[in-house]
Amino acid sequence: MKKELDDVYNIISRVMVKLKYFIDLPENPYLDFQKKEKLKDIYNTLIKLKNSTNITKLRQIGELALSKV
């Protein structure tokens, strides 16, 4: 259980790094304001989820976020 929880946290951390990179890009022709706001919302949700210990929910949301990024 501990190893699985650590794996999920690692996935969430990798997704957060990627999201932060795209959010911090100054000018990107592919990301308009609306898309950046959605990325920020996902990023903020992931920050909240990192404090959660519900492994099933973490796994589902982490995999969903990774597939969207």
Protein backbone atom coordinates (compact mmCIF):
# COMPACT_ATOMS: atom_id res chain seq x y z
CA MET A 1 0.00 0.00 0.00
CA LYS A 2 2.82 2.43 0.87
CA LYS A 3 4.64 1.70 -2.40
CA GLU A 4 1.45 2.20 -4.40
CA LEU A 5 0.77 5.48 -2.64
CA ASP A 6 4.33 6.63 -3.37
CA ASP A 7 3.91 5.69 -7.05
CA VAL A 8 0.74 7.76 -7.29
CA TYR A 9 2.42 10.71 -5.58
CA ASN A 10 5.28 10.43 -8.08
CA ILE A 11 2.85 10.51 -11.00
CA ILE A 12 1.09 13.54 -9.56
CA SER A 13 4.43 15.27 -9.02
CA ARG A 14 5.51 14.65 -12.62
CA VAL A 15 2.20 15.97 -13.93
CA MET A 16 2.54 19.05 -11.73
CA VAL A 17 6.02 19.76 -13.11
CA LYS A 18 4.72 19.55 -16.68
CA LEU A 19 1.73 21.74 -15.88
CA LYS A 20 3.91 24.33 -14.17
CA TYR A 21 6.17 24.45 -17.23
CA PHE A 22 3.25 25.19 -19.57
CA ILE A 23 1.65 27.67 -17.17
CA ASP A 24 4.90 29.63 -16.86
CA LEU A 25 5.59 29.90 -20.59
CA PRO A 26 5.41 33.62 -21.45
CA GLU A 27 4.10 33.32 -25.00
CA ASN A 28 2.79 30.17 -26.58
CA PRO A 29 0.68 30.21 -29.76
CA TYR A 30 -1.01 26.95 -28.72
CA LEU A 31 -2.10 28.07 -25.27
CA ASP A 32 -4.55 30.91 -25.08
CA PHE A 33 -5.72 32.50 -21.83
CA GLN A 34 -8.62 30.07 -21.44
CA LYS A 35 -6.41 26.99 -21.76
CA LYS A 36 -3.87 28.37 -19.31
CA GLU A 37 -6.67 28.96 -16.79
CA LYS A 38 -7.79 25.34 -17.15
CA LEU A 39 -4.21 24.18 -16.59
CA LYS A 40 -4.00 26.35 -13.48
CA ASP A 41 -7.23 24.83 -12.18
CA ILE A 42 -5.88 21.32 -12.72
CA TYR A 43 -2.60 22.29 -11.05
CA ASN A 44 -4.41 23.69 -8.00
CA THR A 45 -6.56 20.56 -7.76
CA LEU A 46 -3.46 18.38 -7.83
CA ILE A 47 -1.91 20.40 -5.02
CA LYS A 48 -4.97 19.64 -2.90
CA LEU A 49 -4.89 15.97 -3.88
CA LYS A 50 -1.29 15.52 -2.79
CA ASN A 51 -2.53 15.93 0.77
CA SER A 52 -5.07 13.14 0.33
CA THR A 53 -4.45 9.53 1.31
CA ASN A 54 -7.38 7.96 -0.55
CA ILE A 55 -5.33 5.75 -2.89
CA THR A 56 -8.16 4.84 -5.26
CA LYS A 57 -9.18 8.44 -5.83
CA LEU A 58 -5.56 9.55 -6.16
CA ARG A 59 -4.84 6.88 -8.77
CA GLN A 60 -7.90 7.73 -10.85
CA ILE A 61 -7.30 11.46 -10.82
CA GLY A 62 -3.55 11.12 -11.37
CA GLU A 63 -4.05 8.91 -14.40
CA LEU A 64 -6.75 11.23 -15.78
CA ALA A 65 -4.54 14.29 -15.33
CA LEU A 66 -1.57 12.55 -16.94
CA SER A 67 -3.65 11.57 -19.97
CA LYS A 68 -4.90 15.14 -20.41
CA VAL A 69 -1.42 16.66 -20.21
